[in-house]
Structures are given as structure tokens and as C-alpha cells.
Amino acid sequence: MQALTDRRRTNHCVVYGRTLHAYCLIQGLIHRGVQPKNITMAIPRYNTHVNEEEDPLMEEDLPVIYPDAFEDEHIEEKI
């Protein structure tokens, strides 16, 4: 955290995720003094971590596991 908030050196961080937790992490970083311009959010595709050969039912659970953060009214309201 100290490296991210040191104003003498520019450090960047990447937040990877597509859920509300990723947004909360970004908010926490900003609250702790990390400059927003130093935060990059990497949003994976919806089915990036699904291997259909191992678990074909996983595709059905995706809306619960990875709710669409950009189209969901409840998440938009929380943000």
C-alpha cells in the first residue's frame, strides 16, 4: 500500500474482476490515497474461466457467479 501511495514515484496497479468486489476494491484504494489515474481495471470476458469440458453446468451458473456489473440495476445503484 505504501508503494501505491508514494507521491514521489508513480506506481500503477491493476484490478482484475467483473463483480461488485472489484469496484469496492477500487474505492478502497482511492480512499487509502491511491490516485485514480494509477488504477487500471481489467474486466474479463463473461466466460473466460469456464472450461466446458470439465463442467458443462458451469455455463448455467455464470449469471450468479459473474453478474453483469454494467447492465444490472442493483449494482448500478450501489455504485
PDB file of N, CA and C in Angstrom:
ATOM      1  N   MET A   1       0.827  -1.181   0.000  1.00  0.00           N
ATOM      2  CA  MET A   1       0.000   0.000   0.000  1.00  0.00           C
ATOM      3  C   MET A   1       0.875   1.249   0.000  1.00  0.00           C
ATOM      4  N   GLN A   2       1.972   1.179   0.749  1.00  0.00           N
ATOM      5  CA  GLN A   2       2.864   2.333   0.809  1.00  0.00           C
ATOM      6  C   GLN A   2       3.443   2.639  -0.570  1.00  0.00           C
ATOM      7  N   ALA A   3       3.774   1.613  -1.340  1.00  0.00           N
ATOM      8  CA  ALA A   3       4.327   1.843  -2.683  1.00  0.00           C
ATOM      9  C   ALA A   3       3.300   2.506  -3.594  1.00  0.00           C
ATOM     10  N   LEU A   4       2.031   2.173  -3.421  1.00  0.00           N
ATOM     11  CA  LEU A   4       0.985   2.744  -4.273  1.00  0.00           C
ATOM     12  C   LEU A   4       0.661   4.196  -3.914  1.00  0.00           C
ATOM     13  N   THR A   5       0.889   4.567  -2.666  1.00  0.00           N
ATOM     14  CA  THR A   5       0.530   5.926  -2.248  1.00  0.00           C
ATOM     15  C   THR A   5       1.730   6.868  -2.201  1.00  0.00           C
ATOM     16  N   ASP A   6       2.909   6.392  -2.544  1.00  0.00           N
ATOM     17  CA  ASP A   6       4.112   7.233  -2.556  1.00  0.00           C
ATOM     18  C   ASP A   6       4.031   8.202  -3.727  1.00  0.00           C
ATOM     19  N   ARG A   7       3.925   9.481  -3.441  1.00  0.00           N
ATOM     20  CA  ARG A   7       3.749  10.502  -4.485  1.00  0.00           C
ATOM     21  C   ARG A   7       5.043  10.788  -5.241  1.00  0.00           C
ATOM     22  N   ARG A   8       6.187  10.369  -4.704  1.00  0.00           N
ATOM     23  CA  ARG A   8       7.460  10.616  -5.371  1.00  0.00           C
ATOM     24  C   ARG A   8       7.691   9.660  -6.543  1.00  0.00           C
ATOM     25  N   ARG A   9       7.088   8.495  -6.487  1.00  0.00           N
ATOM     26  CA  ARG A   9       7.234   7.517  -7.568  1.00  0.00           C
ATOM     27  C   ARG A   9       5.850   7.149  -8.085  1.00  0.00           C
ATOM     28  N   THR A  10       5.755   6.981  -9.373  1.00  0.00           N
ATOM     29  CA  THR A  10       4.480   6.586  -9.959  1.00  0.00           C
ATOM     30  C   THR A  10       4.400   5.073  -9.995  1.00  0.00           C
ATOM     31  N   ASN A  11       3.436   4.528  -9.320  1.00  0.00           N
ATOM     32  CA  ASN A  11       3.184   3.088  -9.328  1.00  0.00           C
ATOM     33  C   ASN A  11       1.756   2.862  -9.783  1.00  0.00           C
ATOM     34  N   HIS A  12       1.582   1.862 -10.578  1.00  0.00           N
ATOM     35  CA  HIS A  12       0.257   1.540 -11.095  1.00  0.00           C
ATOM     36  C   HIS A  12      -0.176   0.184 -10.558  1.00  0.00           C
ATOM     37  N   CYS A  13      -1.472   0.004 -10.446  1.00  0.00           N
ATOM     38  CA  CYS A  13      -1.987  -1.298 -10.054  1.00  0.00           C
ATOM     39  C   CYS A  13      -3.137  -1.666 -10.988  1.00  0.00           C
ATOM     40  N   VAL A  14      -3.349  -2.958 -11.120  1.00  0.00           N
ATOM     41  CA  VAL A  14      -4.414  -3.484 -11.963  1.00  0.00           C
ATOM     42  C   VAL A  14      -5.375  -4.258 -11.079  1.00  0.00           C
ATOM     43  N   VAL A  15      -6.650  -3.950 -11.201  1.00  0.00           N
ATOM     44  CA  VAL A  15      -7.697  -4.679 -10.503  1.00  0.00           C
ATOM     45  C   VAL A  15      -8.395  -5.537 -11.551  1.00  0.00           C
ATOM     46  N   TYR A  16      -8.380  -6.846 -11.344  1.00  0.00           N
ATOM     47  CA  TYR A  16      -8.943  -7.783 -12.310  1.00  0.00           C
ATOM     48  C   TYR A  16     -10.230  -8.356 -11.732  1.00  0.00           C
ATOM     49  N   GLY A  17     -11.331  -8.185 -12.439  1.00  0.00           N
ATOM     50  CA  GLY A  17     -12.598  -8.745 -11.982  1.00  0.00           C
ATOM     51  C   GLY A  17     -13.775  -8.081 -12.664  1.00  0.00           C
ATOM     52  N   ARG A  18     -14.937  -8.668 -12.451  1.00  0.00           N
ATOM     53  CA  ARG A  18     -16.137  -8.117 -13.071  1.00  0.00           C
ATOM     54  C   ARG A  18     -17.306  -8.103 -12.093  1.00  0.00           C
ATOM     55  N   THR A  19     -17.003  -8.133 -10.796  1.00  0.00           N
ATOM     56  CA  THR A  19     -18.071  -8.133  -9.809  1.00  0.00           C
ATOM     57  C   THR A  19     -18.016  -6.848  -8.980  1.00  0.00           C
ATOM     58  N   LEU A  20     -18.969  -6.718  -8.096  1.00  0.00           N
ATOM     59  CA  LEU A  20     -19.022  -5.556  -7.216  1.00  0.00           C
ATOM     60  C   LEU A  20     -17.790  -5.502  -6.318  1.00  0.00           C
ATOM     61  N   HIS A  21     -17.200  -6.642  -6.013  1.00  0.00           N
ATOM     62  CA  HIS A  21     -15.994  -6.671  -5.186  1.00  0.00           C
ATOM     63  C   HIS A  21     -14.853  -5.893  -5.837  1.00  0.00           C
ATOM     64  N   ALA A  22     -14.731  -5.992  -7.152  1.00  0.00           N
ATOM     65  CA  ALA A  22     -13.679  -5.263  -7.861  1.00  0.00           C
ATOM     66  C   ALA A  22     -13.882  -3.753  -7.714  1.00  0.00           C
ATOM     67  N   TYR A  23     -15.111  -3.309  -7.826  1.00  0.00           N
ATOM     68  CA  TYR A  23     -15.405  -1.885  -7.660  1.00  0.00           C
ATOM     69  C   TYR A  23     -15.147  -1.432  -6.223  1.00  0.00           C
ATOM     70  N   CYS A  24     -15.484  -2.288  -5.258  1.00  0.00           N
ATOM     71  CA  CYS A  24     -15.226  -1.947  -3.858  1.00  0.00           C
ATOM     72  C   CYS A  24     -13.728  -1.856  -3.595  1.00  0.00           C
ATOM     73  N   LEU A  25     -12.953  -2.727  -4.209  1.00  0.00           N
ATOM     74  CA  LEU A  25     -11.507  -2.671  -4.055  1.00  0.00           C
ATOM     75  C   LEU A  25     -10.958  -1.357  -4.599  1.00  0.00           C
ATOM     76  N   ILE A  26     -11.449  -0.952  -5.751  1.00  0.00           N
ATOM     77  CA  ILE A  26     -11.010   0.321  -6.331  1.00  0.00           C
ATOM     78  C   ILE A  26     -11.379   1.481  -5.412  1.00  0.00           C
ATOM     79  N   GLN A  27     -12.575   1.458  -4.880  1.00  0.00           N
ATOM     80  CA  GLN A  27     -12.993   2.519  -3.958  1.00  0.00           C
ATOM     81  C   GLN A  27     -12.102   2.535  -2.727  1.00  0.00           C
ATOM     82  N   GLY A  28     -11.753   1.356  -2.219  1.00  0.00           N
ATOM     83  CA  GLY A  28     -10.866   1.278  -1.063  1.00  0.00           C
ATOM     84  C   GLY A  28      -9.478   1.817  -1.367  1.00  0.00           C
ATOM     85  N   LEU A  29      -8.963   1.514  -2.555  1.00  0.00           N
ATOM     86  CA  LEU A  29      -7.654   2.036  -2.947  1.00  0.00           C
ATOM     87  C   LEU A  29      -7.670   3.561  -3.013  1.00  0.00           C
ATOM     88  N   ILE A  30      -8.717   4.112  -3.600  1.00  0.00           N
ATOM     89  CA  ILE A  30      -8.842   5.571  -3.702  1.00  0.00           C
ATOM     90  C   ILE A  30      -8.946   6.186  -2.304  1.00  0.00           C
ATOM     91  N   HIS A  31      -9.726   5.542  -1.458  1.00  0.00           N
ATOM     92  CA  HIS A  31      -9.898   6.030  -0.083  1.00  0.00           C
ATOM     93  C   HIS A  31      -8.568   6.037   0.676  1.00  0.00           C
ATOM     94  N   ARG A  32      -7.694   5.062   0.379  1.00  0.00           N
ATOM     95  CA  ARG A  32      -6.390   4.971   1.047  1.00  0.00           C
ATOM     96  C   ARG A  32      -5.333   5.876   0.422  1.00  0.00           C
ATOM     97  N   GLY A  33      -5.697   6.612  -0.639  1.00  0.00           N
ATOM     98  CA  GLY A  33      -4.779   7.587  -1.195  1.00  0.00           C
ATOM     99  C   GLY A  33      -4.170   7.247  -2.540  1.00  0.00           C
ATOM    100  N   VAL A  34      -4.578   6.145  -3.144  1.00  0.00           N
ATOM    101  CA  VAL A  34      -4.069   5.808  -4.472  1.00  0.00           C
ATOM    102  C   VAL A  34      -4.745   6.711  -5.495  1.00  0.00           C
ATOM    103  N   GLN A  35      -3.969   7.321  -6.363  1.00  0.00           N
ATOM    104  CA  GLN A  35      -4.516   8.200  -7.390  1.00  0.00           C
ATOM    105  C   GLN A  35      -5.334   7.374  -8.397  1.00  0.00           C
ATOM    106  N   PRO A  36      -6.547   7.799  -8.719  1.00  0.00           N
ATOM    107  CA  PRO A  36      -7.366   7.051  -9.684  1.00  0.00           C
ATOM    108  C   PRO A  36      -6.675   6.830 -11.023  1.00  0.00           C
ATOM    109  N   LYS A  37      -5.843   7.772 -11.452  1.00  0.00           N
ATOM    110  CA  LYS A  37      -5.155   7.613 -12.734  1.00  0.00           C
ATOM    111  C   LYS A  37      -4.139   6.475 -12.698  1.00  0.00           C
ATOM    112  N   ASN A  38      -3.800   5.991 -11.514  1.00  0.00           N
ATOM    113  CA  ASN A  38      -2.846   4.895 -11.372  1.00  0.00           C
ATOM    114  C   ASN A  38      -3.519   3.534 -11.218  1.00  0.00           C
ATOM    115  N   ILE A  39      -4.832   3.508 -11.330  1.00  0.00           N
ATOM    116  CA  ILE A  39      -5.582   2.255 -11.196  1.00  0.00           C
ATOM    117  C   ILE A  39      -6.151   1.886 -12.559  1.00  0.00           C
ATOM    118  N   THR A  40      -5.901   0.659 -12.970  1.00  0.00           N
ATOM    119  CA  THR A  40      -6.472   0.137 -14.208  1.00  0.00           C
ATOM    120  C   THR A  40      -7.377  -1.024 -13.851  1.00  0.00           C
ATOM    121  N   MET A  41      -8.584  -1.027 -14.395  1.00  0.00           N
ATOM    122  CA  MET A  41      -9.496  -2.132 -14.154  1.00  0.00           C
ATOM    123  C   MET A  41      -9.533  -3.022 -15.384  1.00  0.00           C
ATOM    124  N   ALA A  42      -9.221  -4.285 -15.188  1.00  0.00           N
ATOM    125  CA  ALA A  42      -9.258  -5.272 -16.261  1.00  0.00           C
ATOM    126  C   ALA A  42     -10.496  -6.136 -16.053  1.00  0.00           C
ATOM    127  N   ILE A  43     -11.427  -6.040 -16.988  1.00  0.00           N
ATOM    128  CA  ILE A  43     -12.687  -6.775 -16.876  1.00  0.00           C
ATOM    129  C   ILE A  43     -12.624  -7.981 -17.808  1.00  0.00           C
ATOM    130  N   PRO A  44     -12.589  -9.196 -17.248  1.00  0.00           N
ATOM    131  CA  PRO A  44     -12.517 -10.379 -18.101  1.00  0.00           C
ATOM    132  C   PRO A  44     -13.839 -10.601 -18.843  1.00  0.00           C
ATOM    133  N   ARG A  45     -13.740 -11.307 -19.943  1.00  0.00           N
ATOM    134  CA  ARG A  45     -14.968 -11.688 -20.648  1.00  0.00           C
ATOM    135  C   ARG A  45     -15.820 -12.552 -19.736  1.00  0.00           C
ATOM    136  N   TYR A  46     -17.070 -12.607 -20.020  1.00  0.00           N
ATOM    137  CA  TYR A  46     -18.064 -13.293 -19.196  1.00  0.00           C
ATOM    138  C   TYR A  46     -17.696 -14.742 -18.911  1.00  0.00           C
ATOM    139  N   ASN A  47     -17.222 -15.463 -19.932  1.00  0.00           N
ATOM    140  CA  ASN A  47     -16.971 -16.901 -19.763  1.00  0.00           C
ATOM    141  C   ASN A  47     -15.483 -17.239 -19.831  1.00  0.00           C
ATOM    142  N   THR A  48     -14.630 -16.336 -19.457  1.00  0.00           N
ATOM    143  CA  THR A  48     -13.189 -16.538 -19.554  1.00  0.00           C
ATOM    144  C   THR A  48     -12.703 -17.745 -18.767  1.00  0.00           C
ATOM    145  N   HIS A  49     -13.203 -17.953 -17.582  1.00  0.00           N
ATOM    146  CA  HIS A  49     -12.690 -19.005 -16.705  1.00  0.00           C
ATOM    147  C   HIS A  49     -13.555 -20.255 -16.698  1.00  0.00           C
ATOM    148  N   VAL A  50     -14.266 -20.481 -17.776  1.00  0.00           N
ATOM    149  CA  VAL A  50     -15.135 -21.650 -17.858  1.00  0.00           C
ATOM    150  C   VAL A  50     -14.522 -22.651 -18.827  1.00  0.00           C
ATOM    151  N   ASN A  51     -14.352 -23.869 -18.339  1.00  0.00           N
ATOM    152  CA  ASN A  51     -13.896 -24.955 -19.193  1.00  0.00           C
ATOM    153  C   ASN A  51     -15.078 -25.899 -19.360  1.00  0.00           C
ATOM    154  N   GLU A  52     -15.733 -25.822 -20.499  1.00  0.00           N
ATOM    155  CA  GLU A  52     -16.967 -26.581 -20.721  1.00  0.00           C
ATOM    156  C   GLU A  52     -16.749 -28.082 -20.661  1.00  0.00           C
ATOM    157  N   GLU A  53     -15.544 -28.546 -20.983  1.00  0.00           N
ATOM    158  CA  GLU A  53     -15.276 -29.984 -20.938  1.00  0.00           C
ATOM    159  C   GLU A  53     -15.275 -30.505 -19.507  1.00  0.00           C
ATOM    160  N   GLU A  54     -14.793 -29.707 -18.561  1.00  0.00           N
ATOM    161  CA  GLU A  54     -14.734 -30.143 -17.176  1.00  0.00           C
ATOM    162  C   GLU A  54     -16.084 -30.056 -16.469  1.00  0.00           C
ATOM    163  N   ASP A  55     -16.830 -28.992 -16.716  1.00  0.00           N
ATOM    164  CA  ASP A  55     -18.094 -28.795 -16.012  1.00  0.00           C
ATOM    165  C   ASP A  55     -19.095 -28.092 -16.926  1.00  0.00           C
ATOM    166  N   PRO A  56     -19.891 -28.864 -17.663  1.00  0.00           N
ATOM    167  CA  PRO A  56     -20.847 -28.239 -18.586  1.00  0.00           C
ATOM    168  C   PRO A  56     -21.937 -27.427 -17.886  1.00  0.00           C
ATOM    169  N   LEU A  57     -22.206 -27.694 -16.624  1.00  0.00           N
ATOM    170  CA  LEU A  57     -23.246 -26.954 -15.901  1.00  0.00           C
ATOM    171  C   LEU A  57     -22.768 -25.576 -15.449  1.00  0.00           C
ATOM    172  N   MET A  58     -21.470 -25.357 -15.519  1.00  0.00           N
ATOM    173  CA  MET A  58     -20.920 -24.072 -15.106  1.00  0.00           C
ATOM    174  C   MET A  58     -21.515 -22.921 -15.912  1.00  0.00           C
ATOM    175  N   GLU A  59     -21.782 -23.151 -17.180  1.00  0.00           N
ATOM    176  CA  GLU A  59     -22.356 -22.116 -18.044  1.00  0.00           C
ATOM    177  C   GLU A  59     -23.694 -21.620 -17.492  1.00  0.00           C
ATOM    178  N   GLU A  60     -24.481 -22.512 -16.908  1.00  0.00           N
ATOM    179  CA  GLU A  60     -25.770 -22.129 -16.342  1.00  0.00           C
ATOM    180  C   GLU A  60     -25.615 -21.254 -15.096  1.00  0.00           C
ATOM    181  N   ASP A  61     -24.519 -21.433 -14.366  1.00  0.00           N
ATOM    182  CA  ASP A  61     -24.299 -20.697 -13.124  1.00  0.00           C
ATOM    183  C   ASP A  61     -23.643 -19.342 -13.327  1.00  0.00           C
ATOM    184  N   LEU A  62     -23.210 -19.037 -14.535  1.00  0.00           N
ATOM    185  CA  LEU A  62     -22.485 -17.783 -14.777  1.00  0.00           C
ATOM    186  C   LEU A  62     -23.245 -16.526 -14.371  1.00  0.00           C
ATOM    187  N   PRO A  63     -24.550 -16.426 -14.615  1.00  0.00           N
ATOM    188  CA  PRO A  63     -25.239 -15.200 -14.189  1.00  0.00           C
ATOM    189  C   PRO A  63     -25.180 -14.959 -12.683  1.00  0.00           C
ATOM    190  N   VAL A  64     -25.069 -16.031 -11.905  1.00  0.00           N
ATOM    191  CA  VAL A  64     -24.980 -15.889 -10.447  1.00  0.00           C
ATOM    192  C   VAL A  64     -23.543 -15.601 -10.028  1.00  0.00           C
ATOM    193  N   ILE A  65     -22.595 -16.315 -10.639  1.00  0.00           N
ATOM    194  CA  ILE A  65     -21.184 -16.150 -10.280  1.00  0.00           C
ATOM    195  C   ILE A  65     -20.662 -14.796 -10.735  1.00  0.00           C
ATOM    196  N   TYR A  66     -20.935 -14.443 -11.964  1.00  0.00           N
ATOM    197  CA  TYR A  66     -20.462 -13.178 -12.541  1.00  0.00           C
ATOM    198  C   TYR A  66     -21.644 -12.345 -13.010  1.00  0.00           C
ATOM    199  N   PRO A  67     -22.330 -11.663 -12.095  1.00  0.00           N
ATOM    200  CA  PRO A  67     -23.425 -10.806 -12.555  1.00  0.00           C
ATOM    201  C   PRO A  67     -22.874  -9.700 -13.443  1.00  0.00           C
ATOM    202  N   ASP A  68     -23.629  -9.305 -14.415  1.00  0.00           N
ATOM    203  CA  ASP A  68     -23.163  -8.280 -15.336  1.00  0.00           C
ATOM    204  C   ASP A  68     -23.195  -6.926 -14.636  1.00  0.00           C
ATOM    205  N   ALA A  69     -22.033  -6.442 -14.268  1.00  0.00           N
ATOM    206  CA  ALA A  69     -21.929  -5.223 -13.465  1.00  0.00           C
ATOM    207  C   ALA A  69     -22.339  -3.980 -14.223  1.00  0.00           C
ATOM    208  N   PHE A  70     -22.388  -4.039 -15.529  1.00  0.00           N
ATOM    209  CA  PHE A  70     -22.682  -2.833 -16.292  1.00  0.00           C
ATOM    210  C   PHE A  70     -24.133  -2.738 -16.737  1.00  0.00           C
ATOM    211  N   GLU A  71     -24.871  -3.793 -16.594  1.00  0.00           N
ATOM    212  CA  GLU A  71     -26.265  -3.785 -17.022  1.00  0.00           C
ATOM    213  C   GLU A  71     -27.237  -4.040 -15.869  1.00  0.00           C
ATOM    214  N   ASP A  72     -26.743  -4.310 -14.690  1.00  0.00           N
ATOM    215  CA  ASP A  72     -27.581  -4.673 -13.560  1.00  0.00           C
ATOM    216  C   ASP A  72     -27.985  -3.409 -12.781  1.00  0.00           C
ATOM    217  N   GLU A  73     -29.281  -3.195 -12.620  1.00  0.00           N
ATOM    218  CA  GLU A  73     -29.793  -2.008 -11.924  1.00  0.00           C
ATOM    219  C   GLU A  73     -29.327  -1.944 -10.481  1.00  0.00           C
ATOM    220  N   HIS A  74     -29.324  -3.093  -9.787  1.00  0.00           N
ATOM    221  CA  HIS A  74     -28.965  -3.114  -8.375  1.00  0.00           C
ATOM    222  C   HIS A  74     -27.489  -2.771  -8.184  1.00  0.00           C
ATOM    223  N   ILE A  75     -26.629  -3.302  -9.034  1.00  0.00           N
ATOM    224  CA  ILE A  75     -25.207  -2.971  -8.934  1.00  0.00           C
ATOM    225  C   ILE A  75     -24.979  -1.519  -9.303  1.00  0.00           C
ATOM    226  N   GLU A  76     -25.651  -1.055 -10.330  1.00  0.00           N
ATOM    227  CA  GLU A  76     -25.520   0.348 -10.736  1.00  0.00           C
ATOM    228  C   GLU A  76     -25.929   1.273  -9.579  1.00  0.00           C
ATOM    229  N   GLU A  77     -26.987   0.901  -8.880  1.00  0.00           N
ATOM    230  CA  GLU A  77     -27.459   1.696  -7.755  1.00  0.00           C
ATOM    231  C   GLU A  77     -26.420   1.717  -6.629  1.00  0.00           C
ATOM    232  N   LYS A  78     -25.784   0.573  -6.354  1.00  0.00           N
ATOM    233  CA  LYS A  78     -24.773   0.502  -5.299  1.00  0.00           C
ATOM    234  C   LYS A  78     -23.553   1.330  -5.652  1.00  0.00           C
ATOM    235  N   ILE A  79     -23.159   1.291  -6.922  1.00  0.00           N
ATOM    236  CA  ILE A  79     -22.001   2.055  -7.376  1.00  0.00           C
ATOM    237  C   ILE A  79     -22.294   3.535  -7.241  1.00  0.00           C
TER     238      ILE A  79
END
